[in-house]
Amino acid sequence: MSDHPPIVENALRVHGHLETHEVVDLVAHWAKLDQRLQSFRDRTIDLDLHVNERDTPSQHITLDVQIGGFKTFVAKSSAISLSHGLNEVRDEMIRQLTDAKTRTEPRNNRKLRETTRRTASN
């Protein structure tokens, strides 16, 4: 178990209607997102979950994540099912955060590397 405080639990702000027990379940269900956010823990992190027109055919779910030093990450879903929509925004956010982290690692970004890679032909 990680000895770091849970980021999703501490940083998540819900805009729209979710019951208290639903937020508790959501935090537990978003453990994968929390793990991905742990690699950014030395930065300021804010998560805003917007649930508009819940349980209607026009339901929209948006997850905005602000991490100090990065552009705002946004994941959206128009799924009719709340649980399906929450899963979609979680998975999309994990993908975006993974892509951003990969771009900032020296082994994946030539500008950040101290030495250049050599190819087999060199």
PDB file of N, CA and C in Angstrom:
ATOM      1  N   MET A   1       0.842  -1.182   0.000  1.00  0.00           N
ATOM      2  CA  MET A   1       0.000   0.000   0.000  1.00  0.00           C
ATOM      3  C   MET A   1       0.878   1.233   0.000  1.00  0.00           C
ATOM      4  N   SER A   2       0.469   2.251  -0.664  1.00  0.00           N
ATOM      5  CA  SER A   2       1.232   3.483  -0.772  1.00  0.00           C
ATOM      6  C   SER A   2       1.132   4.277   0.523  1.00  0.00           C
ATOM      7  N   ASP A   3       2.241   4.936   0.897  1.00  0.00           N
ATOM      8  CA  ASP A   3       2.208   5.773   2.085  1.00  0.00           C
ATOM      9  C   ASP A   3       1.980   7.234   1.724  1.00  0.00           C
ATOM     10  N   HIS A   4       1.569   7.498   0.482  1.00  0.00           N
ATOM     11  CA  HIS A   4       1.251   8.847   0.037  1.00  0.00           C
ATOM     12  C   HIS A   4      -0.245   9.095   0.221  1.00  0.00           C
ATOM     13  N   PRO A   5      -0.625  10.331   0.556  1.00  0.00           N
ATOM     14  CA  PRO A   5      -2.055  10.617   0.720  1.00  0.00           C
ATOM     15  C   PRO A   5      -2.796  10.468  -0.608  1.00  0.00           C
ATOM     16  N   PRO A   6      -4.047  10.016  -0.553  1.00  0.00           N
ATOM     17  CA  PRO A   6      -4.824   9.840  -1.780  1.00  0.00           C
ATOM     18  C   PRO A   6      -5.127  11.195  -2.427  1.00  0.00           C
ATOM     19  N   ILE A   7      -4.703  11.362  -3.662  1.00  0.00           N
ATOM     20  CA  ILE A   7      -4.863  12.639  -4.356  1.00  0.00           C
ATOM     21  C   ILE A   7      -6.313  12.866  -4.765  1.00  0.00           C
ATOM     22  N   VAL A   8      -6.954  11.847  -5.334  1.00  0.00           N
ATOM     23  CA  VAL A   8      -8.333  12.015  -5.790  1.00  0.00           C
ATOM     24  C   VAL A   8      -9.222  12.411  -4.615  1.00  0.00           C
ATOM     25  N   GLU A   9      -9.086  11.731  -3.509  1.00  0.00           N
ATOM     26  CA  GLU A   9      -9.919  12.012  -2.340  1.00  0.00           C
ATOM     27  C   GLU A   9      -9.731  13.442  -1.838  1.00  0.00           C
ATOM     28  N   ASN A  10      -8.501  13.922  -1.841  1.00  0.00           N
ATOM     29  CA  ASN A  10      -8.205  15.254  -1.306  1.00  0.00           C
ATOM     30  C   ASN A  10      -8.448  16.386  -2.304  1.00  0.00           C
ATOM     31  N   ALA A  11      -8.326  16.130  -3.588  1.00  0.00           N
ATOM     32  CA  ALA A  11      -8.372  17.206  -4.582  1.00  0.00           C
ATOM     33  C   ALA A  11      -9.681  17.284  -5.368  1.00  0.00           C
ATOM     34  N   LEU A  12     -10.525  16.261  -5.296  1.00  0.00           N
ATOM     35  CA  LEU A  12     -11.732  16.209  -6.119  1.00  0.00           C
ATOM     36  C   LEU A  12     -12.814  17.155  -5.607  1.00  0.00           C
ATOM     37  N   ARG A  13     -13.316  17.977  -6.530  1.00  0.00           N
ATOM     38  CA  ARG A  13     -14.479  18.836  -6.272  1.00  0.00           C
ATOM     39  C   ARG A  13     -15.564  18.411  -7.255  1.00  0.00           C
ATOM     40  N   VAL A  14     -16.739  18.111  -6.738  1.00  0.00           N
ATOM     41  CA  VAL A  14     -17.846  17.648  -7.571  1.00  0.00           C
ATOM     42  C   VAL A  14     -18.814  18.803  -7.794  1.00  0.00           C
ATOM     43  N   HIS A  15     -19.123  19.059  -9.059  1.00  0.00           N
ATOM     44  CA  HIS A  15     -20.100  20.070  -9.455  1.00  0.00           C
ATOM     45  C   HIS A  15     -21.247  19.329 -10.116  1.00  0.00           C
ATOM     46  N   GLY A  16     -22.401  19.395  -9.523  1.00  0.00           N
ATOM     47  CA  GLY A  16     -23.542  18.623  -9.993  1.00  0.00           C
ATOM     48  C   GLY A  16     -24.000  17.739  -8.857  1.00  0.00           C
ATOM     49  N   HIS A  17     -24.934  16.859  -9.138  1.00  0.00           N
ATOM     50  CA  HIS A  17     -25.530  16.067  -8.068  1.00  0.00           C
ATOM     51  C   HIS A  17     -24.933  14.662  -7.998  1.00  0.00           C
ATOM     52  N   LEU A  18     -24.171  14.434  -6.936  1.00  0.00           N
ATOM     53  CA  LEU A  18     -23.717  13.092  -6.566  1.00  0.00           C
ATOM     54  C   LEU A  18     -23.920  12.972  -5.065  1.00  0.00           C
ATOM     55  N   GLU A  19     -24.515  11.873  -4.638  1.00  0.00           N
ATOM     56  CA  GLU A  19     -24.708  11.623  -3.204  1.00  0.00           C
ATOM     57  C   GLU A  19     -23.348  11.368  -2.548  1.00  0.00           C
ATOM     58  N   THR A  20     -23.289  11.568  -1.249  1.00  0.00           N
ATOM     59  CA  THR A  20     -22.045  11.383  -0.503  1.00  0.00           C
ATOM     60  C   THR A  20     -21.491   9.975  -0.691  1.00  0.00           C
ATOM     61  N   HIS A  21     -22.355   8.957  -0.599  1.00  0.00           N
ATOM     62  CA  HIS A  21     -21.884   7.579  -0.760  1.00  0.00           C
ATOM     63  C   HIS A  21     -21.377   7.332  -2.181  1.00  0.00           C
ATOM     64  N   GLU A  22     -21.935   8.029  -3.176  1.00  0.00           N
ATOM     65  CA  GLU A  22     -21.464   7.885  -4.558  1.00  0.00           C
ATOM     66  C   GLU A  22     -20.058   8.476  -4.714  1.00  0.00           C
ATOM     67  N   VAL A  23     -19.798   9.574  -4.050  1.00  0.00           N
ATOM     68  CA  VAL A  23     -18.459  10.181  -4.107  1.00  0.00           C
ATOM     69  C   VAL A  23     -17.446   9.256  -3.432  1.00  0.00           C
ATOM     70  N   VAL A  24     -17.823   8.670  -2.301  1.00  0.00           N
ATOM     71  CA  VAL A  24     -16.932   7.729  -1.605  1.00  0.00           C
ATOM     72  C   VAL A  24     -16.624   6.537  -2.507  1.00  0.00           C
ATOM     73  N   ASP A  25     -17.654   5.982  -3.162  1.00  0.00           N
ATOM     74  CA  ASP A  25     -17.459   4.860  -4.086  1.00  0.00           C
ATOM     75  C   ASP A  25     -16.598   5.274  -5.275  1.00  0.00           C
ATOM     76  N   LEU A  26     -16.820   6.489  -5.777  1.00  0.00           N
ATOM     77  CA  LEU A  26     -16.058   7.003  -6.918  1.00  0.00           C
ATOM     78  C   LEU A  26     -14.577   7.100  -6.586  1.00  0.00           C
ATOM     79  N   VAL A  27     -14.264   7.630  -5.424  1.00  0.00           N
ATOM     80  CA  VAL A  27     -12.862   7.765  -5.003  1.00  0.00           C
ATOM     81  C   VAL A  27     -12.200   6.391  -4.945  1.00  0.00           C
ATOM     82  N   ALA A  28     -12.898   5.408  -4.402  1.00  0.00           N
ATOM     83  CA  ALA A  28     -12.354   4.052  -4.343  1.00  0.00           C
ATOM     84  C   ALA A  28     -12.202   3.454  -5.735  1.00  0.00           C
ATOM     85  N   HIS A  29     -13.181   3.701  -6.599  1.00  0.00           N
ATOM     86  CA  HIS A  29     -13.175   3.140  -7.952  1.00  0.00           C
ATOM     87  C   HIS A  29     -12.111   3.785  -8.842  1.00  0.00           C
ATOM     88  N   TRP A  30     -11.726   5.013  -8.534  1.00  0.00           N
ATOM     89  CA  TRP A  30     -10.732   5.725  -9.325  1.00  0.00           C
ATOM     90  C   TRP A  30      -9.311   5.533  -8.786  1.00  0.00           C
ATOM     91  N   ALA A  31      -9.035   4.385  -8.189  1.00  0.00           N
ATOM     92  CA  ALA A  31      -7.696   4.107  -7.655  1.00  0.00           C
ATOM     93  C   ALA A  31      -6.624   4.162  -8.745  1.00  0.00           C
ATOM     94  N   LYS A  32      -6.949   3.709  -9.963  1.00  0.00           N
ATOM     95  CA  LYS A  32      -5.974   3.764 -11.069  1.00  0.00           C
ATOM     96  C   LYS A  32      -5.608   5.207 -11.410  1.00  0.00           C
ATOM     97  N   LEU A  33      -6.607   6.085 -11.399  1.00  0.00           N
ATOM     98  CA  LEU A  33      -6.336   7.499 -11.647  1.00  0.00           C
ATOM     99  C   LEU A  33      -5.472   8.068 -10.532  1.00  0.00           C
ATOM    100  N   ASP A  34      -5.771   7.682  -9.312  1.00  0.00           N
ATOM    101  CA  ASP A  34      -4.971   8.143  -8.174  1.00  0.00           C
ATOM    102  C   ASP A  34      -3.514   7.706  -8.322  1.00  0.00           C
ATOM    103  N   GLN A  35      -3.298   6.471  -8.756  1.00  0.00           N
ATOM    104  CA  GLN A  35      -1.934   5.978  -8.970  1.00  0.00           C
ATOM    105  C   GLN A  35      -1.212   6.802 -10.035  1.00  0.00           C
ATOM    106  N   ARG A  36      -1.902   7.140 -11.111  1.00  0.00           N
ATOM    107  CA  ARG A  36      -1.280   7.936 -12.180  1.00  0.00           C
ATOM    108  C   ARG A  36      -0.948   9.337 -11.672  1.00  0.00           C
ATOM    109  N   LEU A  37      -1.805   9.905 -10.838  1.00  0.00           N
ATOM    110  CA  LEU A  37      -1.578  11.241 -10.293  1.00  0.00           C
ATOM    111  C   LEU A  37      -0.432  11.268  -9.275  1.00  0.00           C
ATOM    112  N   GLN A  38      -0.125  10.133  -8.660  1.00  0.00           N
ATOM    113  CA  GLN A  38       0.949  10.087  -7.663  1.00  0.00           C
ATOM    114  C   GLN A  38       2.287  10.539  -8.247  1.00  0.00           C
ATOM    115  N   SER A  39       2.498  10.328  -9.539  1.00  0.00           N
ATOM    116  CA  SER A  39       3.771  10.737 -10.146  1.00  0.00           C
ATOM    117  C   SER A  39       3.862  12.256 -10.293  1.00  0.00           C
ATOM    118  N   PHE A  40       2.758  12.967 -10.061  1.00  0.00           N
ATOM    119  CA  PHE A  40       2.737  14.431 -10.119  1.00  0.00           C
ATOM    120  C   PHE A  40       2.609  15.030  -8.714  1.00  0.00           C
ATOM    121  N   ARG A  41       2.768  14.239  -7.665  1.00  0.00           N
ATOM    122  CA  ARG A  41       2.428  14.671  -6.309  1.00  0.00           C
ATOM    123  C   ARG A  41       3.240  15.854  -5.804  1.00  0.00           C
ATOM    124  N   ASP A  42       4.371  16.169  -6.423  1.00  0.00           N
ATOM    125  CA  ASP A  42       5.158  17.319  -5.999  1.00  0.00           C
ATOM    126  C   ASP A  42       4.634  18.622  -6.595  1.00  0.00           C
ATOM    127  N   ARG A  43       3.504  18.561  -7.306  1.00  0.00           N
ATOM    128  CA  ARG A  43       2.890  19.731  -7.933  1.00  0.00           C
ATOM    129  C   ARG A  43       1.491  19.949  -7.348  1.00  0.00           C
ATOM    130  N   THR A  44       0.945  21.138  -7.551  1.00  0.00           N
ATOM    131  CA  THR A  44      -0.425  21.422  -7.141  1.00  0.00           C
ATOM    132  C   THR A  44      -1.380  20.709  -8.088  1.00  0.00           C
ATOM    133  N   ILE A  45      -2.346  19.988  -7.540  1.00  0.00           N
ATOM    134  CA  ILE A  45      -3.287  19.218  -8.351  1.00  0.00           C
ATOM    135  C   ILE A  45      -4.715  19.556  -7.926  1.00  0.00           C
ATOM    136  N   ASP A  46      -5.547  19.899  -8.899  1.00  0.00           N
ATOM    137  CA  ASP A  46      -6.973  20.153  -8.671  1.00  0.00           C
ATOM    138  C   ASP A  46      -7.775  19.323  -9.660  1.00  0.00           C
ATOM    139  N   LEU A  47      -8.828  18.671  -9.172  1.00  0.00           N
ATOM    140  CA  LEU A  47      -9.721  17.881 -10.015  1.00  0.00           C
ATOM    141  C   LEU A  47     -11.135  18.424  -9.863  1.00  0.00           C
ATOM    142  N   ASP A  48     -11.770  18.735 -10.978  1.00  0.00           N
ATOM    143  CA  ASP A  48     -13.151  19.208 -10.988  1.00  0.00           C
ATOM    144  C   ASP A  48     -13.981  18.258 -11.837  1.00  0.00           C
ATOM    145  N   LEU A  49     -14.980  17.634 -11.212  1.00  0.00           N
ATOM    146  CA  LEU A  49     -15.887  16.734 -11.908  1.00  0.00           C
ATOM    147  C   LEU A  49     -17.230  17.439 -12.069  1.00  0.00           C
ATOM    148  N   HIS A  50     -17.668  17.605 -13.310  1.00  0.00           N
ATOM    149  CA  HIS A  50     -18.941  18.253 -13.609  1.00  0.00           C
ATOM    150  C   HIS A  50     -19.902  17.193 -14.142  1.00  0.00           C
ATOM    151  N   VAL A  51     -21.045  17.061 -13.462  1.00  0.00           N
ATOM    152  CA  VAL A  51     -22.092  16.140 -13.907  1.00  0.00           C
ATOM    153  C   VAL A  51     -23.306  16.990 -14.243  1.00  0.00           C
ATOM    154  N   ASN A  52     -23.617  17.078 -15.523  1.00  0.00           N
ATOM    155  CA  ASN A  52     -24.733  17.901 -15.992  1.00  0.00           C
ATOM    156  C   ASN A  52     -25.868  17.019 -16.488  1.00  0.00           C
ATOM    157  N   GLU A  53     -27.084  17.368 -16.111  1.00  0.00           N
ATOM    158  CA  GLU A  53     -28.296  16.680 -16.543  1.00  0.00           C
ATOM    159  C   GLU A  53     -28.220  15.183 -16.259  1.00  0.00           C
ATOM    160  N   ARG A  54     -27.917  14.860 -15.023  1.00  0.00           N
ATOM    161  CA  ARG A  54     -27.737  13.473 -14.602  1.00  0.00           C
ATOM    162  C   ARG A  54     -28.957  12.612 -14.912  1.00  0.00           C
ATOM    163  N   ASP A  55     -28.672  11.388 -15.328  1.00  0.00           N
ATOM    164  CA  ASP A  55     -29.689  10.365 -15.599  1.00  0.00           C
ATOM    165  C   ASP A  55     -30.695  10.780 -16.673  1.00  0.00           C
ATOM    166  N   THR A  56     -30.254  11.569 -17.620  1.00  0.00           N
ATOM    167  CA  THR A  56     -31.094  11.933 -18.763  1.00  0.00           C
ATOM    168  C   THR A  56     -30.329  11.569 -20.027  1.00  0.00           C
ATOM    169  N   PRO A  57     -31.002  11.475 -21.160  1.00  0.00           N
ATOM    170  CA  PRO A  57     -30.296  11.172 -22.412  1.00  0.00           C
ATOM    171  C   PRO A  57     -29.260  12.232 -22.793  1.00  0.00           C
ATOM    172  N   SER A  58     -29.397  13.434 -22.242  1.00  0.00           N
ATOM    173  CA  SER A  58     -28.441  14.495 -22.571  1.00  0.00           C
ATOM    174  C   SER A  58     -27.392  14.697 -21.464  1.00  0.00           C
ATOM    175  N   GLN A  59     -27.187  13.674 -20.649  1.00  0.00           N
ATOM    176  CA  GLN A  59     -26.199  13.750 -19.567  1.00  0.00           C
ATOM    177  C   GLN A  59     -24.799  13.997 -20.130  1.00  0.00           C
ATOM    178  N   HIS A  60     -24.052  14.889 -19.473  1.00  0.00           N
ATOM    179  CA  HIS A  60     -22.667  15.167 -19.848  1.00  0.00           C
ATOM    180  C   HIS A  60     -21.812  15.130 -18.594  1.00  0.00           C
ATOM    181  N   ILE A  61     -20.680  14.465 -18.699  1.00  0.00           N
ATOM    182  CA  ILE A  61     -19.732  14.387 -17.586  1.00  0.00           C
ATOM    183  C   ILE A  61     -18.406  14.925 -18.087  1.00  0.00           C
ATOM    184  N   THR A  62     -17.825  15.825 -17.313  1.00  0.00           N
ATOM    185  CA  THR A  62     -16.534  16.414 -17.671  1.00  0.00           C
ATOM    186  C   THR A  62     -15.615  16.355 -16.467  1.00  0.00           C
ATOM    187  N   LEU A  63     -14.397  15.920 -16.685  1.00  0.00           N
ATOM    188  CA  LEU A  63     -13.381  15.920 -15.643  1.00  0.00           C
ATOM    189  C   LEU A  63     -12.252  16.842 -16.086  1.00  0.00           C
ATOM    190  N   ASP A  64     -12.038  17.911 -15.321  1.00  0.00           N
ATOM    191  CA  ASP A  64     -10.942  18.849 -15.564  1.00  0.00           C
ATOM    192  C   ASP A  64      -9.872  18.605 -14.516  1.00  0.00           C
ATOM    193  N   VAL A  65      -8.643  18.473 -14.956  1.00  0.00           N
ATOM    194  CA  VAL A  65      -7.525  18.288 -14.030  1.00  0.00           C
ATOM    195  C   VAL A  65      -6.497  19.368 -14.300  1.00  0.00           C
ATOM    196  N   GLN A  66      -6.182  20.131 -13.259  1.00  0.00           N
ATOM    197  CA  GLN A  66      -5.144  21.147 -13.351  1.00  0.00           C
ATOM    198  C   GLN A  66      -3.957  20.676 -12.516  1.00  0.00           C
ATOM    199  N   ILE A  67      -2.813  20.621 -13.164  1.00  0.00           N
ATOM    200  CA  ILE A  67      -1.568  20.228 -12.503  1.00  0.00           C
ATOM    201  C   ILE A  67      -0.569  21.338 -12.765  1.00  0.00           C
ATOM    202  N   GLY A  68       0.014  21.855 -11.698  1.00  0.00           N
ATOM    203  CA  GLY A  68       0.962  22.952 -11.829  1.00  0.00           C
ATOM    204  C   GLY A  68       2.021  22.667 -12.876  1.00  0.00           C
ATOM    205  N   GLY A  69       2.209  23.601 -13.803  1.00  0.00           N
ATOM    206  CA  GLY A  69       3.207  23.454 -14.851  1.00  0.00           C
ATOM    207  C   GLY A  69       2.717  22.777 -16.118  1.00  0.00           C
ATOM    208  N   PHE A  70       1.474  22.331 -16.134  1.00  0.00           N
ATOM    209  CA  PHE A  70       0.905  21.669 -17.309  1.00  0.00           C
ATOM    210  C   PHE A  70      -0.364  22.406 -17.731  1.00  0.00           C
ATOM    211  N   LYS A  71      -0.739  22.215 -18.989  1.00  0.00           N
ATOM    212  CA  LYS A  71      -2.024  22.739 -19.453  1.00  0.00           C
ATOM    213  C   LYS A  71      -3.136  21.966 -18.746  1.00  0.00           C
ATOM    214  N   THR A  72      -4.347  22.506 -18.766  1.00  0.00           N
ATOM    215  CA  THR A  72      -5.482  21.815 -18.159  1.00  0.00           C
ATOM    216  C   THR A  72      -5.841  20.598 -18.995  1.00  0.00           C
ATOM    217  N   PHE A  73      -6.034  19.488 -18.335  1.00  0.00           N
ATOM    218  CA  PHE A  73      -6.443  18.252 -18.989  1.00  0.00           C
ATOM    219  C   PHE A  73      -7.962  18.148 -18.870  1.00  0.00           C
ATOM    220  N   VAL A  74      -8.635  17.773 -19.958  1.00  0.00           N
ATOM    221  CA  VAL A  74     -10.098  17.682 -19.967  1.00  0.00           C
ATOM    222  C   VAL A  74     -10.514  16.356 -20.599  1.00  0.00           C
ATOM    223  N   ALA A  75     -11.378  15.635 -19.892  1.00  0.00           N
ATOM    224  CA  ALA A  75     -11.960  14.392 -20.415  1.00  0.00           C
ATOM    225  C   ALA A  75     -13.474  14.529 -20.327  1.00  0.00           C
ATOM    226  N   LYS A  76     -14.177  14.128 -21.401  1.00  0.00           N
ATOM    227  CA  LYS A  76     -15.633  14.283 -21.459  1.00  0.00           C
ATOM    228  C   LYS A  76     -16.299  12.970 -21.839  1.00  0.00           C
ATOM    229  N   SER A  77     -17.550  12.842 -21.398  1.00  0.00           N
ATOM    230  CA  SER A  77     -18.363  11.694 -21.780  1.00  0.00           C
ATOM    231  C   SER A  77     -19.811  12.129 -21.907  1.00  0.00           C
ATOM    232  N   SER A  78     -20.501  11.547 -22.872  1.00  0.00           N
ATOM    233  CA  SER A  78     -21.936  11.784 -23.054  1.00  0.00           C
ATOM    234  C   SER A  78     -22.714  10.489 -22.830  1.00  0.00           C
ATOM    235  N   ALA A  79     -22.127   9.535 -22.148  1.00  0.00           N
ATOM    236  CA  ALA A  79     -22.792   8.260 -21.892  1.00  0.00           C
ATOM    237  C   ALA A  79     -24.048   8.485 -21.047  1.00  0.00           C
ATOM    238  N   ILE A  80     -25.087   7.747 -21.336  1.00  0.00           N
ATOM    239  CA  ILE A  80     -26.339   7.874 -20.593  1.00  0.00           C
ATOM    240  C   ILE A  80     -26.195   7.301 -19.189  1.00  0.00           C
ATOM    241  N   SER A  81     -25.447   6.229 -19.055  1.00  0.00           N
ATOM    242  CA  SER A  81     -25.214   5.605 -17.757  1.00  0.00           C
ATOM    243  C   SER A  81     -24.149   6.399 -16.991  1.00  0.00           C
ATOM    244  N   LEU A  82     -24.452   6.768 -15.756  1.00  0.00           N
ATOM    245  CA  LEU A  82     -23.502   7.527 -14.941  1.00  0.00           C
ATOM    246  C   LEU A  82     -22.220   6.738 -14.720  1.00  0.00           C
ATOM    247  N   SER A  83     -22.341   5.469 -14.352  1.00  0.00           N
ATOM    248  CA  SER A  83     -21.140   4.675 -14.078  1.00  0.00           C
ATOM    249  C   SER A  83     -20.279   4.511 -15.331  1.00  0.00           C
ATOM    250  N   HIS A  84     -20.915   4.312 -16.473  1.00  0.00           N
ATOM    251  CA  HIS A  84     -20.169   4.182 -17.729  1.00  0.00           C
ATOM    252  C   HIS A  84     -19.461   5.493 -18.068  1.00  0.00           C
ATOM    253  N   GLY A  85     -20.152   6.605 -17.904  1.00  0.00           N
ATOM    254  CA  GLY A  85     -19.560   7.911 -18.172  1.00  0.00           C
ATOM    255  C   GLY A  85     -18.389   8.213 -17.248  1.00  0.00           C
ATOM    256  N   LEU A  86     -18.515   7.862 -15.975  1.00  0.00           N
ATOM    257  CA  LEU A  86     -17.416   8.075 -15.022  1.00  0.00           C
ATOM    258  C   LEU A  86     -16.207   7.224 -15.382  1.00  0.00           C
ATOM    259  N   ASN A  87     -16.459   6.000 -15.836  1.00  0.00           N
ATOM    260  CA  ASN A  87     -15.353   5.143 -16.280  1.00  0.00           C
ATOM    261  C   ASN A  87     -14.667   5.723 -17.512  1.00  0.00           C
ATOM    262  N   GLU A  88     -15.463   6.250 -18.447  1.00  0.00           N
ATOM    263  CA  GLU A  88     -14.888   6.837 -19.665  1.00  0.00           C
ATOM    264  C   GLU A  88     -13.983   8.023 -19.345  1.00  0.00           C
ATOM    265  N   VAL A  89     -14.445   8.942 -18.486  1.00  0.00           N
ATOM    266  CA  VAL A  89     -13.607  10.112 -18.186  1.00  0.00           C
ATOM    267  C   VAL A  89     -12.371   9.710 -17.388  1.00  0.00           C
ATOM    268  N   ARG A  90     -12.502   8.718 -16.517  1.00  0.00           N
ATOM    269  CA  ARG A  90     -11.332   8.229 -15.770  1.00  0.00           C
ATOM    270  C   ARG A  90     -10.285   7.658 -16.721  1.00  0.00           C
ATOM    271  N   ASP A  91     -10.715   6.772 -17.613  1.00  0.00           N
ATOM    272  CA  ASP A  91      -9.776   6.129 -18.528  1.00  0.00           C
ATOM    273  C   ASP A  91      -9.126   7.132 -19.480  1.00  0.00           C
ATOM    274  N   GLU A  92      -9.910   8.075 -19.979  1.00  0.00           N
ATOM    275  CA  GLU A  92      -9.371   9.095 -20.877  1.00  0.00           C
ATOM    276  C   GLU A  92      -8.375   9.990 -20.132  1.00  0.00           C
ATOM    277  N   MET A  93      -8.662  10.309 -18.890  1.00  0.00           N
ATOM    278  CA  MET A  93      -7.739  11.150 -18.112  1.00  0.00           C
ATOM    279  C   MET A  93      -6.440  10.399 -17.841  1.00  0.00           C
ATOM    280  N   ILE A  94      -6.522   9.136 -17.532  1.00  0.00           N
ATOM    281  CA  ILE A  94      -5.303   8.339 -17.319  1.00  0.00           C
ATOM    282  C   ILE A  94      -4.458   8.353 -18.588  1.00  0.00           C
ATOM    283  N   ARG A  95      -5.103   8.203 -19.755  1.00  0.00           N
ATOM    284  CA  ARG A  95      -4.374   8.219 -21.018  1.00  0.00           C
ATOM    285  C   ARG A  95      -3.685   9.563 -21.228  1.00  0.00           C
ATOM    286  N   GLN A  96      -4.399  10.660 -21.000  1.00  0.00           N
ATOM    287  CA  GLN A  96      -3.815  11.988 -21.187  1.00  0.00           C
ATOM    288  C   GLN A  96      -2.655  12.241 -20.230  1.00  0.00           C
ATOM    289  N   LEU A  97      -2.814  11.841 -18.980  1.00  0.00           N
ATOM    290  CA  LEU A  97      -1.745  12.047 -17.993  1.00  0.00           C
ATOM    291  C   LEU A  97      -0.517  11.201 -18.321  1.00  0.00           C
ATOM    292  N   THR A  98      -0.748   9.986 -18.787  1.00  0.00           N
ATOM    293  CA  THR A  98       0.366   9.120 -19.181  1.00  0.00           C
ATOM    294  C   THR A  98       1.116   9.729 -20.358  1.00  0.00           C
ATOM    295  N   ASP A  99       0.389  10.242 -21.342  1.00  0.00           N
ATOM    296  CA  ASP A  99       1.027  10.887 -22.487  1.00  0.00           C
ATOM    297  C   ASP A  99       1.842  12.100 -22.047  1.00  0.00           C
ATOM    298  N   ALA A 100       1.291  12.909 -21.166  1.00  0.00           N
ATOM    299  CA  ALA A 100       1.997  14.108 -20.690  1.00  0.00           C
ATOM    300  C   ALA A 100       3.241  13.733 -19.905  1.00  0.00           C
ATOM    301  N   LYS A 101       3.141  12.724 -19.075  1.00  0.00           N
ATOM    302  CA  LYS A 101       4.291  12.293 -18.272  1.00  0.00           C
ATOM    303  C   LYS A 101       5.381  11.725 -19.177  1.00  0.00           C
ATOM    304  N   THR A 102       4.985  10.971 -20.181  1.00  0.00           N
ATOM    305  CA  THR A 102       5.945  10.392 -21.116  1.00  0.00           C
ATOM    306  C   THR A 102       6.717  11.486 -21.853  1.00  0.00           C
ATOM    307  N   ARG A 103       6.012  12.539 -22.255  1.00  0.00           N
ATOM    308  CA  ARG A 103       6.671  13.642 -22.969  1.00  0.00           C
ATOM    309  C   ARG A 103       7.654  14.405 -22.093  1.00  0.00           C
ATOM    310  N   THR A 104       7.490  14.356 -20.773  1.00  0.00           N
ATOM    311  CA  THR A 104       8.372  15.117 -19.887  1.00  0.00           C
ATOM    312  C   THR A 104       9.523  14.283 -19.340  1.00  0.00           C
ATOM    313  N   GLU A 105       9.592  13.014 -19.709  1.00  0.00           N
ATOM    314  CA  GLU A 105      10.687  12.164 -19.257  1.00  0.00           C
ATOM    315  C   GLU A 105      11.850  12.273 -20.238  1.00  0.00           C
ATOM    316  N   PRO A 106      13.065  12.444 -19.740  1.00  0.00           N
ATOM    317  CA  PRO A 106      14.227  12.627 -20.621  1.00  0.00           C
ATOM    318  C   PRO A 106      14.421  11.519 -21.646  1.00  0.00           C
ATOM    319  N   ARG A 107      14.130  10.286 -21.298  1.00  0.00           N
ATOM    320  CA  ARG A 107      14.376   9.199 -22.253  1.00  0.00           C
ATOM    321  C   ARG A 107      13.440   9.278 -23.448  1.00  0.00           C
ATOM    322  N   ASN A 108      12.329  10.017 -23.305  1.00  0.00           N
ATOM    323  CA  ASN A 108      11.360  10.126 -24.384  1.00  0.00           C
ATOM    324  C   ASN A 108      11.346  11.490 -25.057  1.00  0.00           C
ATOM    325  N   ASN A 109      12.169  12.403 -24.577  1.00  0.00           N
ATOM    326  CA  ASN A 109      12.174  13.755 -25.107  1.00  0.00           C
ATOM    327  C   ASN A 109      13.614  14.180 -25.352  1.00  0.00           C
ATOM    328  N   ARG A 110      13.988  14.279 -26.601  1.00  0.00           N
ATOM    329  CA  ARG A 110      15.371  14.581 -26.975  1.00  0.00           C
ATOM    330  C   ARG A 110      15.877  15.868 -26.318  1.00  0.00           C
ATOM    331  N   LYS A 111      15.018  16.873 -26.202  1.00  0.00           N
ATOM    332  CA  LYS A 111      15.432  18.152 -25.624  1.00  0.00           C
ATOM    333  C   LYS A 111      15.792  18.032 -24.144  1.00  0.00           C
ATOM    334  N   LEU A 112      15.230  17.055 -23.461  1.00  0.00           N
ATOM    335  CA  LEU A 112      15.490  16.891 -22.033  1.00  0.00           C
ATOM    336  C   LEU A 112      16.653  15.950 -21.725  1.00  0.00           C
ATOM    337  N   ARG A 113      17.109  15.197 -22.700  1.00  0.00           N
ATOM    338  CA  ARG A 113      18.202  14.246 -22.489  1.00  0.00           C
ATOM    339  C   ARG A 113      19.529  14.953 -22.343  1.00  0.00           C
ATOM    340  N   GLU A 114      20.369  14.466 -21.464  1.00  0.00           N
ATOM    341  CA  GLU A 114      21.710  15.026 -21.301  1.00  0.00           C
ATOM    342  C   GLU A 114      22.655  14.493 -22.366  1.00  0.00           C
ATOM    343  N   THR A 115      22.411  13.290 -22.813  1.00  0.00           N
ATOM    344  CA  THR A 115      23.228  12.702 -23.870  1.00  0.00           C
ATOM    345  C   THR A 115      22.311  12.244 -24.992  1.00  0.00           C
ATOM    346  N   THR A 116      22.865  12.121 -26.180  1.00  0.00           N
ATOM    347  CA  THR A 116      22.058  11.669 -27.306  1.00  0.00           C
ATOM    348  C   THR A 116      22.120  10.160 -27.406  1.00  0.00           C
ATOM    349  N   ARG A 117      21.100   9.579 -27.972  1.00  0.00           N
ATOM    350  CA  ARG A 117      21.075   8.133 -28.170  1.00  0.00           C
ATOM    351  C   ARG A 117      21.896   7.792 -29.400  1.00  0.00           C
ATOM    352  N   ARG A 118      22.485   6.647 -29.371  1.00  0.00           N
ATOM    353  CA  ARG A 118      23.199   6.165 -30.554  1.00  0.00           C
ATOM    354  C   ARG A 118      22.417   5.030 -31.171  1.00  0.00           C
ATOM    355  N   THR A 119      22.358   5.035 -32.454  1.00  0.00           N
ATOM    356  CA  THR A 119      21.664   3.964 -33.159  1.00  0.00           C
ATOM    357  C   THR A 119      22.632   2.829 -33.420  1.00  0.00           C
ATOM    358  N   ALA A 120      22.133   1.673 -33.795  1.00  0.00           N
ATOM    359  CA  ALA A 120      22.961   0.487 -34.039  1.00  0.00           C
ATOM    360  C   ALA A 120      23.943   0.709 -35.190  1.00  0.00           C
ATOM    361  N   SER A 121      23.633   1.592 -36.115  1.00  0.00           N
ATOM    362  CA  SER A 121      24.499   1.835 -37.263  1.00  0.00           C
ATOM    363  C   SER A 121      25.691   2.732 -36.922  1.00  0.00           C
ATOM    364  N   ASN A 122      25.668   3.395 -35.763  1.00  0.00           N
ATOM    365  CA  ASN A 122      26.785   4.294 -35.383  1.00  0.00           C
ATOM    366  C   ASN A 122      27.942   3.552 -34.812  1.00  0.00           C
TER     367      ASN A 122
END
